[in-house]
Amino acid sequence: MQWQPSRFRRRFLAAGAALGAGAALRLPAAIAQTYPARAVRLLVPFVAGGGPDVVCRFVADRMSRALGQPMVIENRPGANGMLGLQVVRQAAPDGYTLLYLSSAQVSVQAMSRSADILRDFALIGRMSDTPSVLVVPPKLPPANLIELIAYLKKNPGKLNYGTGGVGSPSHFATGMLHSIAGPFDSVPIHYKGAPEIGHALAQGDIHFTITIVPPLLPLIRQGRVRALAVTASERLAALPEVPTMAEAGLPAYRFHSWGGIAAPAGTPPKIVELLHREMNRVLASAETAAFADAIASRAVPSESPAAFVAFVREELMRLEKLVKDFNIRPEQGS
């Protein structure tokens, strides 16, 4: 039989493809057995020094010890957390690139449907729950929440507020205030994160904000900004003198920010389970509880990765309802 190069080549390529497919199927299992063999990158899509960054650095340091490999924080702020989300979405599903997933990205999806978090990520576990605080510059006349609302209504279009970006939790938080206590007309000024918002507030560049507590704690304690109310259901140990929104006169107001860890879709379940287990061990420690109290946050571990998926699904439904009920839009300015 005469040798036919083209037929031989086709058979060779077909055999190679079959072998390659088999190797690809075995690859995740092989990775899971040796994981982690090198440093793990945790991408925090917010500014260094902000609340998410502080919490992630604490947890990553303790997880590094348990995993036997460094967990390195990389800050990729921008687009309300969506720039970092896209980086991790496109990363290899091998457990070496993780995402700090938070209410910020879920808020963006609820508002614009520019992402599909449940499809594109393997959710590992919830990490923290952080209330927000309504703060104003020291020289602003209102002494409490009710006076601030009256002041806003008497000065339509003259006052502005700081947010972490269009569709950010702080933007949603002010939209809720407008819907519950309004109407009033105020102008949003968007920043990269809470540290910048706090600086602008202390300088008198903005008139108020509702944003996460941790980055603003030093400014509040130094008297550079004044806290009128916290969004938690009870007073915070870190700010015992500051009333809740309910105590301040708005019992219908409820808002919080949360964060957790996710990996690209397709990450081996054994890696997801390992990371979930080690993170929960960190979150359950007395050291973590003391740290969380000090920064006005709370460790909230998920019972399982599946429980975190269910939580995010519920959050999406809740925020989509808020978008509809409170008419929160990307271009909303009040």
C-alpha atoms as a PDB file:
ATOM      1  CA  MET A   1       0.000   0.000   0.000  1.00  0.00           C
ATOM      2  CA  GLN A   2       1.379   3.341  -1.015  1.00  0.00           C
ATOM      3  CA  TRP A   3       2.048   5.755   1.830  1.00  0.00           C
ATOM      4  CA  GLN A   4      -0.264   8.759   1.692  1.00  0.00           C
ATOM      5  CA  PRO A   5       1.195  11.730   3.592  1.00  0.00           C
ATOM      6  CA  SER A   6      -2.102  13.573   3.822  1.00  0.00           C
ATOM      7  CA  ARG A   7      -3.909  10.570   5.376  1.00  0.00           C
ATOM      8  CA  PHE A   8      -1.071   9.986   7.818  1.00  0.00           C
ATOM      9  CA  ARG A   9      -1.050  13.642   8.777  1.00  0.00           C
ATOM     10  CA  ARG A  10      -4.791  13.610   9.433  1.00  0.00           C
ATOM     11  CA  ARG A  11      -4.523  10.543  11.664  1.00  0.00           C
ATOM     12  CA  PHE A  12      -1.560  12.039  13.507  1.00  0.00           C
ATOM     13  CA  LEU A  13      -3.349  15.289  14.153  1.00  0.00           C
ATOM     14  CA  ALA A  14      -6.518  13.476  15.250  1.00  0.00           C
ATOM     15  CA  ALA A  15      -4.547  11.335  17.683  1.00  0.00           C
ATOM     16  CA  GLY A  16      -2.706  14.394  18.995  1.00  0.00           C
ATOM     17  CA  ALA A  17      -5.967  16.247  19.500  1.00  0.00           C
ATOM     18  CA  ALA A  18      -7.430  13.320  21.441  1.00  0.00           C
ATOM     19  CA  LEU A  19      -4.355  13.142  23.636  1.00  0.00           C
ATOM     20  CA  GLY A  20      -4.459  16.906  24.163  1.00  0.00           C
ATOM     21  CA  ALA A  21      -8.112  16.778  25.146  1.00  0.00           C
ATOM     22  CA  GLY A  22      -7.404  14.013  27.612  1.00  0.00           C
ATOM     23  CA  ALA A  23      -4.524  15.986  29.094  1.00  0.00           C
ATOM     24  CA  ALA A  24      -6.738  19.053  29.380  1.00  0.00           C
ATOM     25  CA  LEU A  25      -9.346  17.040  31.261  1.00  0.00           C
ATOM     26  CA  ARG A  26      -6.708  15.760  33.664  1.00  0.00           C
ATOM     27  CA  LEU A  27      -5.092  19.176  34.168  1.00  0.00           C
ATOM     28  CA  PRO A  28      -7.493  20.625  36.786  1.00  0.00           C
ATOM     29  CA  ALA A  29      -7.176  17.502  38.932  1.00  0.00           C
ATOM     30  CA  ALA A  30      -3.391  17.636  38.714  1.00  0.00           C
ATOM     31  CA  ILE A  31      -3.396  21.318  39.653  1.00  0.00           C
ATOM     32  CA  ALA A  32      -5.702  20.671  42.609  1.00  0.00           C
ATOM     33  CA  GLN A  33      -3.419  17.940  43.959  1.00  0.00           C
ATOM     34  CA  THR A  34      -0.368  20.222  44.093  1.00  0.00           C
ATOM     35  CA  TYR A  35      -2.120  23.524  44.890  1.00  0.00           C
ATOM     36  CA  PRO A  36      -0.761  25.940  45.889  1.00  0.00           C
ATOM     37  CA  ALA A  37       2.705  25.497  44.439  1.00  0.00           C
ATOM     38  CA  ARG A  38       3.421  29.227  44.112  1.00  0.00           C
ATOM     39  CA  ALA A  39       2.121  32.616  45.205  1.00  0.00           C
ATOM     40  CA  VAL A  40      -1.617  33.281  44.912  1.00  0.00           C
ATOM     41  CA  ARG A  41      -2.712  36.689  43.645  1.00  0.00           C
ATOM     42  CA  LEU A  42      -5.775  38.284  45.259  1.00  0.00           C
ATOM     43  CA  LEU A  43      -6.914  41.159  43.088  1.00  0.00           C
ATOM     44  CA  VAL A  44      -8.652  43.917  45.056  1.00  0.00           C
ATOM     45  CA  PRO A  45     -10.395  46.213  42.556  1.00  0.00           C
ATOM     46  CA  PHE A  46     -10.368  49.204  44.905  1.00  0.00           C
ATOM     47  CA  VAL A  47      -7.790  51.713  46.103  1.00  0.00           C
ATOM     48  CA  ALA A  48      -5.045  50.815  48.562  1.00  0.00           C
ATOM     49  CA  GLY A  49      -5.920  51.898  52.087  1.00  0.00           C
ATOM     50  CA  GLY A  50      -9.678  51.621  51.590  1.00  0.00           C
ATOM     51  CA  GLY A  51     -11.924  49.345  53.640  1.00  0.00           C
ATOM     52  CA  PRO A  52     -11.795  46.365  51.233  1.00  0.00           C
ATOM     53  CA  ASP A  53      -8.013  46.648  50.934  1.00  0.00           C
ATOM     54  CA  VAL A  54      -7.495  46.705  54.710  1.00  0.00           C
ATOM     55  CA  VAL A  55      -9.700  43.655  55.265  1.00  0.00           C
ATOM     56  CA  CYS A  56      -8.167  41.713  52.374  1.00  0.00           C
ATOM     57  CA  ARG A  57      -4.609  42.335  53.549  1.00  0.00           C
ATOM     58  CA  PHE A  58      -5.453  41.068  57.033  1.00  0.00           C
ATOM     59  CA  VAL A  59      -7.149  37.904  55.762  1.00  0.00           C
ATOM     60  CA  ALA A  60      -4.585  37.250  53.018  1.00  0.00           C
ATOM     61  CA  ASP A  61      -1.715  37.441  55.502  1.00  0.00           C
ATOM     62  CA  ARG A  62      -3.278  34.761  57.700  1.00  0.00           C
ATOM     63  CA  MET A  63      -4.306  32.576  54.769  1.00  0.00           C
ATOM     64  CA  SER A  64      -0.741  32.724  53.447  1.00  0.00           C
ATOM     65  CA  ARG A  65       0.479  31.072  56.630  1.00  0.00           C
ATOM     66  CA  ALA A  66      -2.071  28.273  56.337  1.00  0.00           C
ATOM     67  CA  LEU A  67      -1.510  27.677  52.614  1.00  0.00           C
ATOM     68  CA  GLY A  68       2.274  27.745  52.846  1.00  0.00           C
ATOM     69  CA  GLN A  69       2.483  30.182  49.938  1.00  0.00           C
ATOM     70  CA  PRO A  70       2.180  33.981  49.805  1.00  0.00           C
ATOM     71  CA  MET A  71      -1.201  35.483  48.999  1.00  0.00           C
ATOM     72  CA  VAL A  72      -0.266  38.730  47.290  1.00  0.00           C
ATOM     73  CA  ILE A  73      -2.654  41.698  47.147  1.00  0.00           C
ATOM     74  CA  GLU A  74      -2.855  43.575  43.856  1.00  0.00           C
ATOM     75  CA  ASN A  75      -4.961  46.744  43.693  1.00  0.00           C
ATOM     76  CA  ARG A  76      -6.766  47.409  40.397  1.00  0.00           C
ATOM     77  CA  PRO A  77      -9.222  50.235  41.121  1.00  0.00           C
ATOM     78  CA  GLY A  78     -11.601  51.609  38.542  1.00  0.00           C
ATOM     79  CA  ALA A  79     -15.146  51.453  37.170  1.00  0.00           C
ATOM     80  CA  ASN A  80     -16.600  50.607  40.577  1.00  0.00           C
ATOM     81  CA  GLY A  81     -14.663  47.366  40.791  1.00  0.00           C
ATOM     82  CA  MET A  82     -15.464  46.222  37.274  1.00  0.00           C
ATOM     83  CA  LEU A  83     -11.960  46.674  35.822  1.00  0.00           C
ATOM     84  CA  GLY A  84     -10.534  44.214  38.292  1.00  0.00           C
ATOM     85  CA  LEU A  85     -13.479  41.896  37.780  1.00  0.00           C
ATOM     86  CA  GLN A  86     -12.744  41.676  34.050  1.00  0.00           C
ATOM     87  CA  VAL A  87      -9.064  40.912  34.698  1.00  0.00           C
ATOM     88  CA  VAL A  88      -9.918  37.946  36.919  1.00  0.00           C
ATOM     89  CA  ARG A  89     -12.726  36.764  34.645  1.00  0.00           C
ATOM     90  CA  GLN A  90     -10.171  36.302  31.860  1.00  0.00           C
ATOM     91  CA  ALA A  91      -7.537  34.642  34.066  1.00  0.00           C
ATOM     92  CA  ALA A  92      -6.723  30.933  34.009  1.00  0.00           C
ATOM     93  CA  PRO A  93      -9.048  28.924  36.298  1.00  0.00           C
ATOM     94  CA  ASP A  94      -6.174  27.457  38.286  1.00  0.00           C
ATOM     95  CA  GLY A  95      -6.685  29.122  41.671  1.00  0.00           C
ATOM     96  CA  TYR A  96      -3.714  31.463  41.353  1.00  0.00           C
ATOM     97  CA  THR A  97      -5.751  34.576  40.489  1.00  0.00           C
ATOM     98  CA  LEU A  98      -8.609  35.450  42.820  1.00  0.00           C
ATOM     99  CA  LEU A  99     -11.035  38.370  43.039  1.00  0.00           C
ATOM    100  CA  TYR A 100     -12.325  40.351  45.971  1.00  0.00           C
ATOM    101  CA  LEU A 101     -15.997  40.320  45.013  1.00  0.00           C
ATOM    102  CA  SER A 102     -18.258  42.820  46.713  1.00  0.00           C
ATOM    103  CA  SER A 103     -21.607  44.520  46.752  1.00  0.00           C
ATOM    104  CA  ALA A 104     -20.075  47.152  44.453  1.00  0.00           C
ATOM    105  CA  GLN A 105     -19.808  44.837  41.435  1.00  0.00           C
ATOM    106  CA  VAL A 106     -23.159  43.246  42.203  1.00  0.00           C
ATOM    107  CA  SER A 107     -24.706  46.743  42.319  1.00  0.00           C
ATOM    108  CA  VAL A 108     -23.317  47.478  38.862  1.00  0.00           C
ATOM    109  CA  GLN A 109     -24.751  44.239  37.489  1.00  0.00           C
ATOM    110  CA  ALA A 110     -28.131  44.971  39.058  1.00  0.00           C
ATOM    111  CA  MET A 111     -28.188  48.434  37.521  1.00  0.00           C
ATOM    112  CA  SER A 112     -26.644  47.928  34.076  1.00  0.00           C
ATOM    113  CA  ARG A 113     -26.407  44.145  33.533  1.00  0.00           C
ATOM    114  CA  SER A 114     -22.845  44.664  32.297  1.00  0.00           C
ATOM    115  CA  ALA A 115     -21.662  41.467  33.998  1.00  0.00           C
ATOM    116  CA  ASP A 116     -22.847  37.962  34.847  1.00  0.00           C
ATOM    117  CA  ILE A 117     -21.113  37.150  38.097  1.00  0.00           C
ATOM    118  CA  LEU A 118     -22.853  33.840  38.763  1.00  0.00           C
ATOM    119  CA  ARG A 119     -21.919  32.568  35.300  1.00  0.00           C
ATOM    120  CA  ASP A 120     -18.362  33.872  35.071  1.00  0.00           C
ATOM    121  CA  PHE A 121     -17.045  33.085  38.557  1.00  0.00           C
ATOM    122  CA  ALA A 122     -16.625  30.237  40.991  1.00  0.00           C
ATOM    123  CA  LEU A 123     -17.701  31.834  44.270  1.00  0.00           C
ATOM    124  CA  ILE A 124     -15.538  30.790  47.219  1.00  0.00           C
ATOM    125  CA  GLY A 125     -17.002  32.479  50.267  1.00  0.00           C
ATOM    126  CA  ARG A 126     -18.242  35.605  51.938  1.00  0.00           C
ATOM    127  CA  MET A 127     -15.706  37.460  54.047  1.00  0.00           C
ATOM    128  CA  SER A 128     -17.129  40.562  55.688  1.00  0.00           C
ATOM    129  CA  ASP A 129     -20.076  42.844  56.206  1.00  0.00           C
ATOM    130  CA  THR A 130     -19.419  46.557  56.664  1.00  0.00           C
ATOM    131  CA  PRO A 131     -21.960  49.254  57.550  1.00  0.00           C
ATOM    132  CA  SER A 132     -21.811  52.748  56.155  1.00  0.00           C
ATOM    133  CA  VAL A 133     -21.851  56.103  57.894  1.00  0.00           C
ATOM    134  CA  LEU A 134     -23.404  59.421  56.914  1.00  0.00           C
ATOM    135  CA  VAL A 135     -20.810  62.141  57.442  1.00  0.00           C
ATOM    136  CA  VAL A 136     -20.597  65.892  56.851  1.00  0.00           C
ATOM    137  CA  PRO A 137     -17.884  68.566  57.240  1.00  0.00           C
ATOM    138  CA  PRO A 138     -17.667  70.001  60.765  1.00  0.00           C
ATOM    139  CA  LYS A 139     -18.822  73.456  59.670  1.00  0.00           C
ATOM    140  CA  LEU A 140     -21.967  72.338  57.846  1.00  0.00           C
ATOM    141  CA  PRO A 141     -24.934  73.784  59.861  1.00  0.00           C
ATOM    142  CA  PRO A 142     -27.114  70.649  60.313  1.00  0.00           C
ATOM    143  CA  ALA A 143     -26.476  68.970  63.676  1.00  0.00           C
ATOM    144  CA  ASN A 144     -28.316  65.723  62.920  1.00  0.00           C
ATOM    145  CA  LEU A 145     -29.865  63.655  60.146  1.00  0.00           C
ATOM    146  CA  ILE A 146     -33.304  65.282  60.183  1.00  0.00           C
ATOM    147  CA  GLU A 147     -31.736  68.759  60.053  1.00  0.00           C
ATOM    148  CA  LEU A 148     -29.528  67.653  57.138  1.00  0.00           C
ATOM    149  CA  ILE A 149     -32.569  66.462  55.173  1.00  0.00           C
ATOM    150  CA  ALA A 150     -34.332  69.787  55.811  1.00  0.00           C
ATOM    151  CA  TYR A 151     -31.177  71.653  54.803  1.00  0.00           C
ATOM    152  CA  LEU A 152     -30.964  69.703  51.548  1.00  0.00           C
ATOM    153  CA  LYS A 153     -34.578  70.494  50.731  1.00  0.00           C
ATOM    154  CA  LYS A 154     -34.052  74.215  51.406  1.00  0.00           C
ATOM    155  CA  ASN A 155     -31.006  74.337  49.107  1.00  0.00           C
ATOM    156  CA  PRO A 156     -31.952  72.435  45.936  1.00  0.00           C
ATOM    157  CA  GLY A 157     -29.040  71.923  43.556  1.00  0.00           C
ATOM    158  CA  LYS A 158     -26.592  73.771  45.819  1.00  0.00           C
ATOM    159  CA  LEU A 159     -25.162  70.815  47.757  1.00  0.00           C
ATOM    160  CA  ASN A 160     -23.119  67.880  46.535  1.00  0.00           C
ATOM    161  CA  TYR A 161     -22.244  64.447  47.847  1.00  0.00           C
ATOM    162  CA  GLY A 162     -19.346  62.067  47.326  1.00  0.00           C
ATOM    163  CA  THR A 163     -19.639  58.563  45.887  1.00  0.00           C
ATOM    164  CA  GLY A 164     -17.269  55.778  44.920  1.00  0.00           C
ATOM    165  CA  GLY A 165     -18.492  55.997  41.328  1.00  0.00           C
ATOM    166  CA  VAL A 166     -21.681  55.705  39.307  1.00  0.00           C
ATOM    167  CA  GLY A 167     -23.656  52.746  40.613  1.00  0.00           C
ATOM    168  CA  SER A 168     -21.359  52.249  43.610  1.00  0.00           C
ATOM    169  CA  PRO A 169     -22.797  51.263  47.008  1.00  0.00           C
ATOM    170  CA  SER A 170     -22.352  54.859  48.175  1.00  0.00           C
ATOM    171  CA  HIS A 171     -24.303  56.029  45.118  1.00  0.00           C
ATOM    172  CA  PHE A 172     -27.049  53.498  45.909  1.00  0.00           C
ATOM    173  CA  ALA A 173     -26.996  54.538  49.562  1.00  0.00           C
ATOM    174  CA  THR A 174     -27.671  58.186  48.695  1.00  0.00           C
ATOM    175  CA  GLY A 175     -30.308  57.163  46.155  1.00  0.00           C
ATOM    176  CA  MET A 176     -32.074  55.320  48.965  1.00  0.00           C
ATOM    177  CA  LEU A 177     -31.851  58.390  51.200  1.00  0.00           C
ATOM    178  CA  HIS A 178     -33.357  60.488  48.429  1.00  0.00           C
ATOM    179  CA  SER A 179     -36.179  58.021  47.893  1.00  0.00           C
ATOM    180  CA  ILE A 180     -37.024  57.554  51.584  1.00  0.00           C
ATOM    181  CA  ALA A 181     -36.510  61.099  52.851  1.00  0.00           C
ATOM    182  CA  GLY A 182     -36.696  63.188  49.688  1.00  0.00           C
ATOM    183  CA  PRO A 183     -37.272  64.611  47.316  1.00  0.00           C
ATOM    184  CA  PHE A 184     -34.207  66.806  47.363  1.00  0.00           C
ATOM    185  CA  ASP A 185     -31.791  67.817  44.661  1.00  0.00           C
ATOM    186  CA  SER A 186     -28.075  67.252  45.255  1.00  0.00           C
ATOM    187  CA  VAL A 187     -25.155  66.755  42.888  1.00  0.00           C
ATOM    188  CA  PRO A 188     -22.930  63.627  42.893  1.00  0.00           C
ATOM    189  CA  ILE A 189     -19.158  63.960  42.817  1.00  0.00           C
ATOM    190  CA  HIS A 190     -17.545  60.636  41.946  1.00  0.00           C
ATOM    191  CA  TYR A 191     -14.227  59.472  43.404  1.00  0.00           C
ATOM    192  CA  LYS A 192     -12.117  56.319  43.189  1.00  0.00           C
ATOM    193  CA  GLY A 193     -12.902  55.215  46.728  1.00  0.00           C
ATOM    194  CA  ALA A 194     -13.727  56.060  50.326  1.00  0.00           C
ATOM    195  CA  PRO A 195     -10.265  57.460  51.220  1.00  0.00           C
ATOM    196  CA  GLU A 196     -10.591  60.106  48.495  1.00  0.00           C
ATOM    197  CA  ILE A 197     -14.166  60.838  49.557  1.00  0.00           C
ATOM    198  CA  GLY A 198     -13.041  61.339  53.147  1.00  0.00           C
ATOM    199  CA  HIS A 199     -10.241  63.691  52.118  1.00  0.00           C
ATOM    200  CA  ALA A 200     -12.634  65.755  49.968  1.00  0.00           C
ATOM    201  CA  LEU A 201     -15.112  65.936  52.833  1.00  0.00           C
ATOM    202  CA  ALA A 202     -12.448  67.059  55.315  1.00  0.00           C
ATOM    203  CA  GLN A 203     -11.357  69.750  52.839  1.00  0.00           C
ATOM    204  CA  GLY A 204     -14.935  70.975  52.438  1.00  0.00           C
ATOM    205  CA  ASP A 205     -15.088  70.050  48.738  1.00  0.00           C
ATOM    206  CA  ILE A 206     -18.291  68.059  49.250  1.00  0.00           C
ATOM    207  CA  HIS A 207     -21.184  68.453  51.669  1.00  0.00           C
ATOM    208  CA  PHE A 208     -21.976  64.871  52.686  1.00  0.00           C
ATOM    209  CA  THR A 209     -21.503  61.217  51.869  1.00  0.00           C
ATOM    210  CA  ILE A 210     -22.786  57.809  52.913  1.00  0.00           C
ATOM    211  CA  THR A 211     -19.898  55.395  52.615  1.00  0.00           C
ATOM    212  CA  ILE A 212     -18.218  52.522  54.440  1.00  0.00           C
ATOM    213  CA  VAL A 213     -16.974  53.246  57.940  1.00  0.00           C
ATOM    214  CA  PRO A 214     -13.346  51.941  58.138  1.00  0.00           C
ATOM    215  CA  PRO A 215     -11.527  54.546  55.995  1.00  0.00           C
ATOM    216  CA  LEU A 216     -13.395  57.391  57.711  1.00  0.00           C
ATOM    217  CA  LEU A 217     -12.788  56.306  61.296  1.00  0.00           C
ATOM    218  CA  PRO A 218      -9.538  58.306  61.710  1.00  0.00           C
ATOM    219  CA  LEU A 219     -11.168  61.446  60.293  1.00  0.00           C
ATOM    220  CA  ILE A 220     -14.199  61.068  62.554  1.00  0.00           C
ATOM    221  CA  ARG A 221     -12.043  60.516  65.652  1.00  0.00           C
ATOM    222  CA  GLN A 222      -9.835  63.500  64.761  1.00  0.00           C
ATOM    223  CA  GLY A 223     -12.901  65.727  64.367  1.00  0.00           C
ATOM    224  CA  ARG A 224     -12.107  66.459  60.720  1.00  0.00           C
ATOM    225  CA  VAL A 225     -15.534  65.151  59.661  1.00  0.00           C
ATOM    226  CA  ARG A 226     -18.735  64.721  61.662  1.00  0.00           C
ATOM    227  CA  ALA A 227     -20.771  61.494  61.713  1.00  0.00           C
ATOM    228  CA  LEU A 228     -24.562  61.885  61.855  1.00  0.00           C
ATOM    229  CA  ALA A 229     -25.719  58.259  61.628  1.00  0.00           C
ATOM    230  CA  VAL A 230     -24.621  54.708  60.824  1.00  0.00           C
ATOM    231  CA  THR A 231     -26.564  52.330  58.591  1.00  0.00           C
ATOM    232  CA  ALA A 232     -26.160  49.321  60.923  1.00  0.00           C
ATOM    233  CA  SER A 233     -29.130  47.941  62.856  1.00  0.00           C
ATOM    234  CA  GLU A 234     -27.380  48.773  66.134  1.00  0.00           C
ATOM    235  CA  ARG A 235     -24.669  51.187  67.246  1.00  0.00           C
ATOM    236  CA  LEU A 236     -21.082  50.277  66.426  1.00  0.00           C
ATOM    237  CA  ALA A 237     -18.485  49.493  69.077  1.00  0.00           C
ATOM    238  CA  ALA A 238     -16.042  51.680  67.145  1.00  0.00           C
ATOM    239  CA  LEU A 239     -18.497  54.632  67.119  1.00  0.00           C
ATOM    240  CA  PRO A 240     -20.739  54.182  70.165  1.00  0.00           C
ATOM    241  CA  GLU A 241     -21.747  57.840  70.235  1.00  0.00           C
ATOM    242  CA  VAL A 242     -23.159  57.812  66.672  1.00  0.00           C
ATOM    243  CA  PRO A 243     -26.861  56.867  66.367  1.00  0.00           C
ATOM    244  CA  THR A 244     -28.268  54.410  63.865  1.00  0.00           C
ATOM    245  CA  MET A 245     -30.396  55.674  60.991  1.00  0.00           C
ATOM    246  CA  ALA A 246     -33.464  54.415  62.866  1.00  0.00           C
ATOM    247  CA  GLU A 247     -32.483  56.275  66.037  1.00  0.00           C
ATOM    248  CA  ALA A 248     -31.758  59.389  63.966  1.00  0.00           C
ATOM    249  CA  GLY A 249     -35.253  59.399  62.485  1.00  0.00           C
ATOM    250  CA  LEU A 250     -35.282  57.078  59.441  1.00  0.00           C
ATOM    251  CA  PRO A 251     -36.340  53.599  60.623  1.00  0.00           C
ATOM    252  CA  ALA A 252     -37.013  52.448  57.032  1.00  0.00           C
ATOM    253  CA  TYR A 253     -33.397  52.984  55.989  1.00  0.00           C
ATOM    254  CA  ARG A 254     -31.275  49.796  55.714  1.00  0.00           C
ATOM    255  CA  PHE A 255     -27.996  49.535  53.853  1.00  0.00           C
ATOM    256  CA  HIS A 256     -24.742  47.579  54.135  1.00  0.00           C
ATOM    257  CA  SER A 257     -21.715  46.608  52.051  1.00  0.00           C
ATOM    258  CA  TRP A 258     -20.225  43.123  51.938  1.00  0.00           C
ATOM    259  CA  GLY A 259     -17.258  41.349  50.405  1.00  0.00           C
ATOM    260  CA  GLY A 260     -15.990  37.875  49.628  1.00  0.00           C
ATOM    261  CA  ILE A 261     -13.619  35.953  47.383  1.00  0.00           C
ATOM    262  CA  ALA A 262     -14.232  34.450  43.941  1.00  0.00           C
ATOM    263  CA  ALA A 263     -12.189  32.691  41.264  1.00  0.00           C
ATOM    264  CA  PRO A 264     -12.655  32.366  37.499  1.00  0.00           C
ATOM    265  CA  ALA A 265     -15.374  29.927  36.429  1.00  0.00           C
ATOM    266  CA  GLY A 266     -13.961  26.462  35.923  1.00  0.00           C
ATOM    267  CA  THR A 267     -11.621  26.571  38.914  1.00  0.00           C
ATOM    268  CA  PRO A 268     -11.377  22.986  40.302  1.00  0.00           C
ATOM    269  CA  PRO A 269     -13.849  22.379  43.129  1.00  0.00           C
ATOM    270  CA  LYS A 270     -11.084  21.009  45.369  1.00  0.00           C
ATOM    271  CA  ILE A 271      -9.272  24.350  45.162  1.00  0.00           C
ATOM    272  CA  VAL A 272     -12.487  26.279  45.820  1.00  0.00           C
ATOM    273  CA  GLU A 273     -13.194  24.095  48.857  1.00  0.00           C
ATOM    274  CA  LEU A 274      -9.631  24.447  50.166  1.00  0.00           C
ATOM    275  CA  LEU A 275      -9.715  28.239  49.915  1.00  0.00           C
ATOM    276  CA  HIS A 276     -13.161  28.373  51.498  1.00  0.00           C
ATOM    277  CA  ARG A 277     -12.051  26.203  54.406  1.00  0.00           C
ATOM    278  CA  GLU A 278      -8.860  28.160  55.099  1.00  0.00           C
ATOM    279  CA  MET A 279     -10.608  31.530  54.819  1.00  0.00           C
ATOM    280  CA  ASN A 280     -13.304  30.411  57.248  1.00  0.00           C
ATOM    281  CA  ARG A 281     -10.642  29.333  59.741  1.00  0.00           C
ATOM    282  CA  VAL A 282      -9.200  32.839  59.622  1.00  0.00           C
ATOM    283  CA  LEU A 283     -12.625  34.464  59.952  1.00  0.00           C
ATOM    284  CA  ALA A 284     -13.542  32.318  62.961  1.00  0.00           C
ATOM    285  CA  SER A 285     -10.534  33.394  65.041  1.00  0.00           C
ATOM    286  CA  ALA A 286     -10.704  35.702  68.035  1.00  0.00           C
ATOM    287  CA  GLU A 287      -7.972  37.803  66.420  1.00  0.00           C
ATOM    288  CA  THR A 288     -10.193  38.448  63.396  1.00  0.00           C
ATOM    289  CA  ALA A 289     -13.171  39.334  65.597  1.00  0.00           C
ATOM    290  CA  ALA A 290     -11.089  41.917  67.470  1.00  0.00           C
ATOM    291  CA  PHE A 291      -9.722  43.332  64.208  1.00  0.00           C
ATOM    292  CA  ALA A 292     -13.214  43.613  62.703  1.00  0.00           C
ATOM    293  CA  ASP A 293     -14.595  45.398  65.776  1.00  0.00           C
ATOM    294  CA  ALA A 294     -11.727  47.881  65.691  1.00  0.00           C
ATOM    295  CA  ILE A 295     -12.490  48.917  62.105  1.00  0.00           C
ATOM    296  CA  ALA A 296     -16.297  48.794  62.443  1.00  0.00           C
ATOM    297  CA  SER A 297     -16.665  45.702  60.290  1.00  0.00           C
ATOM    298  CA  ARG A 298     -17.846  42.139  60.916  1.00  0.00           C
ATOM    299  CA  ALA A 299     -16.515  38.748  59.807  1.00  0.00           C
ATOM    300  CA  VAL A 300     -19.314  36.835  58.064  1.00  0.00           C
ATOM    301  CA  PRO A 301     -18.153  33.426  56.802  1.00  0.00           C
ATOM    302  CA  SER A 302     -20.334  31.446  54.386  1.00  0.00           C
ATOM    303  CA  GLU A 303     -21.299  27.928  55.404  1.00  0.00           C
ATOM    304  CA  SER A 304     -20.146  26.714  51.991  1.00  0.00           C
ATOM    305  CA  PRO A 305     -19.340  28.010  48.491  1.00  0.00           C
ATOM    306  CA  ALA A 306     -22.903  27.059  47.525  1.00  0.00           C
ATOM    307  CA  ALA A 307     -24.235  29.213  50.355  1.00  0.00           C
ATOM    308  CA  PHE A 308     -22.245  32.166  49.012  1.00  0.00           C
ATOM    309  CA  VAL A 309     -23.749  31.575  45.560  1.00  0.00           C
ATOM    310  CA  ALA A 310     -27.229  31.640  47.096  1.00  0.00           C
ATOM    311  CA  PHE A 311     -26.406  34.836  49.001  1.00  0.00           C
ATOM    312  CA  VAL A 312     -25.148  36.632  45.866  1.00  0.00           C
ATOM    313  CA  ARG A 313     -28.219  35.514  43.941  1.00  0.00           C
ATOM    314  CA  GLU A 314     -30.457  36.973  46.667  1.00  0.00           C
ATOM    315  CA  GLU A 315     -28.431  40.199  46.708  1.00  0.00           C
ATOM    316  CA  LEU A 316     -28.876  40.573  42.954  1.00  0.00           C
ATOM    317  CA  MET A 317     -32.620  40.188  43.318  1.00  0.00           C
ATOM    318  CA  ARG A 318     -32.710  42.666  46.207  1.00  0.00           C
ATOM    319  CA  LEU A 319     -30.643  45.273  44.364  1.00  0.00           C
ATOM    320  CA  GLU A 320     -32.575  44.855  41.126  1.00  0.00           C
ATOM    321  CA  LYS A 321     -35.721  45.602  43.133  1.00  0.00           C
ATOM    322  CA  LEU A 322     -34.054  48.695  44.609  1.00  0.00           C
ATOM    323  CA  VAL A 323     -33.105  49.873  41.121  1.00  0.00           C
ATOM    324  CA  LYS A 324     -36.743  49.578  40.075  1.00  0.00           C
ATOM    325  CA  ASP A 325     -38.411  50.838  43.253  1.00  0.00           C
ATOM    326  CA  PHE A 326     -36.057  53.768  43.840  1.00  0.00           C
ATOM    327  CA  ASN A 327     -35.465  54.523  40.144  1.00  0.00           C
ATOM    328  CA  ILE A 328     -31.673  54.411  40.548  1.00  0.00           C
ATOM    329  CA  ARG A 329     -30.000  54.955  37.177  1.00  0.00           C
ATOM    330  CA  PRO A 330     -26.390  55.209  36.007  1.00  0.00           C
ATOM    331  CA  GLU A 331     -26.932  58.867  35.224  1.00  0.00           C
ATOM    332  CA  GLN A 332     -28.826  59.610  38.453  1.00  0.00           C
ATOM    333  CA  GLY A 333     -27.583  62.754  40.137  1.00  0.00           C
ATOM    334  CA  SER A 334     -29.745  63.019  43.211  1.00  0.00           C
END
